[in-house]
Amino acid sequence: MAEKSRKTSPAEFIGQVRAEGRKIVWPTREETVKTAIFVFIMMLILSVFFLGIDSIFSAIVGWLLTLA
């Protein structure tokens, strides 16, 4: 049979949250800056890529509409 789960008291819950909070390892400033630069570069690359794809599809649709 499954064990009955007991309710956690609010004080015990707060203690558990604080204990878990102490385990968090925050990134350094250098890691944060590197990640932000990487995200910005990827955003630029993907925006240019999707601009190209959109332009190609727009040209194809425009060409197809001239046939009708």
C-alpha atoms as a PDB file:
ATOM      1  CA  MET A   1       0.000   0.000   0.000  1.00  0.00           C
ATOM      2  CA  ALA A   2       1.065   3.557  -0.613  1.00  0.00           C
ATOM      3  CA  GLU A   3       2.173   5.615   2.371  1.00  0.00           C
ATOM      4  CA  LYS A   4      -0.119   8.359   3.530  1.00  0.00           C
ATOM      5  CA  SER A   5       1.511  11.678   2.815  1.00  0.00           C
ATOM      6  CA  ARG A   6       1.508  13.985   5.800  1.00  0.00           C
ATOM      7  CA  LYS A   7       0.857  17.698   5.438  1.00  0.00           C
ATOM      8  CA  THR A   8       3.835  20.003   5.706  1.00  0.00           C
ATOM      9  CA  SER A   9       3.456  22.831   8.181  1.00  0.00           C
ATOM     10  CA  PRO A  10       3.971  26.387   6.875  1.00  0.00           C
ATOM     11  CA  ALA A  11       7.102  26.808   9.023  1.00  0.00           C
ATOM     12  CA  GLU A  12       8.561  23.539   7.714  1.00  0.00           C
ATOM     13  CA  PHE A  13       7.732  24.564   4.144  1.00  0.00           C
ATOM     14  CA  ILE A  14       9.499  27.915   4.573  1.00  0.00           C
ATOM     15  CA  GLY A  15      12.525  26.104   5.995  1.00  0.00           C
ATOM     16  CA  GLN A  16      12.610  23.751   3.011  1.00  0.00           C
ATOM     17  CA  VAL A  17      12.317  26.675   0.568  1.00  0.00           C
ATOM     18  CA  ARG A  18      15.195  28.500   2.272  1.00  0.00           C
ATOM     19  CA  ALA A  19      17.326  25.325   2.228  1.00  0.00           C
ATOM     20  CA  GLU A  20      16.696  24.874  -1.503  1.00  0.00           C
ATOM     21  CA  GLY A  21      17.349  28.576  -2.104  1.00  0.00           C
ATOM     22  CA  ARG A  22      20.807  28.242  -0.577  1.00  0.00           C
ATOM     23  CA  LYS A  23      21.648  25.558  -3.179  1.00  0.00           C
ATOM     24  CA  ILE A  24      21.156  27.938  -6.129  1.00  0.00           C
ATOM     25  CA  VAL A  25      24.337  28.713  -8.042  1.00  0.00           C
ATOM     26  CA  TRP A  26      23.971  32.039  -9.840  1.00  0.00           C
ATOM     27  CA  PRO A  27      25.989  32.707 -13.005  1.00  0.00           C
ATOM     28  CA  THR A  28      28.901  35.088 -12.790  1.00  0.00           C
ATOM     29  CA  ARG A  29      28.746  38.502 -14.455  1.00  0.00           C
ATOM     30  CA  GLU A  30      31.111  37.232 -17.175  1.00  0.00           C
ATOM     31  CA  GLU A  31      28.885  34.215 -17.903  1.00  0.00           C
ATOM     32  CA  THR A  32      25.822  36.449 -18.069  1.00  0.00           C
ATOM     33  CA  VAL A  33      27.496  38.858 -20.501  1.00  0.00           C
ATOM     34  CA  LYS A  34      28.752  35.999 -22.715  1.00  0.00           C
ATOM     35  CA  THR A  35      25.296  34.430 -22.787  1.00  0.00           C
ATOM     36  CA  ALA A  36      23.630  37.756 -23.605  1.00  0.00           C
ATOM     37  CA  ILE A  37      26.069  38.363 -26.483  1.00  0.00           C
ATOM     38  CA  PHE A  38      25.482  34.839 -27.805  1.00  0.00           C
ATOM     39  CA  VAL A  39      21.705  35.320 -27.666  1.00  0.00           C
ATOM     40  CA  PHE A  40      21.984  38.673 -29.467  1.00  0.00           C
ATOM     41  CA  ILE A  41      24.147  37.183 -32.245  1.00  0.00           C
ATOM     42  CA  MET A  42      21.785  34.226 -32.685  1.00  0.00           C
ATOM     43  CA  MET A  43      18.827  36.629 -32.799  1.00  0.00           C
ATOM     44  CA  LEU A  44      20.519  38.609 -35.588  1.00  0.00           C
ATOM     45  CA  ILE A  45      21.368  35.463 -37.571  1.00  0.00           C
ATOM     46  CA  LEU A  46      17.847  34.045 -37.249  1.00  0.00           C
ATOM     47  CA  SER A  47      16.172  37.360 -38.075  1.00  0.00           C
ATOM     48  CA  VAL A  48      18.222  37.667 -41.286  1.00  0.00           C
ATOM     49  CA  PHE A  49      17.449  34.023 -42.123  1.00  0.00           C
ATOM     50  CA  PHE A  50      13.697  34.465 -41.641  1.00  0.00           C
ATOM     51  CA  LEU A  51      13.773  37.756 -43.553  1.00  0.00           C
ATOM     52  CA  GLY A  52      15.324  35.864 -46.476  1.00  0.00           C
ATOM     53  CA  ILE A  53      12.796  33.018 -46.278  1.00  0.00           C
ATOM     54  CA  ASP A  54       9.913  35.504 -46.057  1.00  0.00           C
ATOM     55  CA  SER A  55      11.229  37.465 -49.031  1.00  0.00           C
ATOM     56  CA  ILE A  56      11.542  34.291 -51.111  1.00  0.00           C
ATOM     57  CA  PHE A  57       7.999  33.153 -50.272  1.00  0.00           C
ATOM     58  CA  SER A  58       6.678  36.660 -50.918  1.00  0.00           C
ATOM     59  CA  ALA A  59       8.314  36.659 -54.354  1.00  0.00           C
ATOM     60  CA  ILE A  60       6.912  33.189 -55.148  1.00  0.00           C
ATOM     61  CA  VAL A  61       3.387  34.166 -54.072  1.00  0.00           C
ATOM     62  CA  GLY A  62       3.618  37.422 -56.042  1.00  0.00           C
ATOM     63  CA  TRP A  63       4.731  35.483 -59.119  1.00  0.00           C
ATOM     64  CA  LEU A  64       1.914  32.923 -58.685  1.00  0.00           C
ATOM     65  CA  LEU A  65      -0.647  35.730 -58.385  1.00  0.00           C
ATOM     66  CA  THR A  66       0.496  37.185 -61.706  1.00  0.00           C
ATOM     67  CA  LEU A  67      -0.363  33.845 -63.365  1.00  0.00           C
ATOM     68  CA  ALA A  68      -3.994  33.974 -62.227  1.00  0.00           C
END
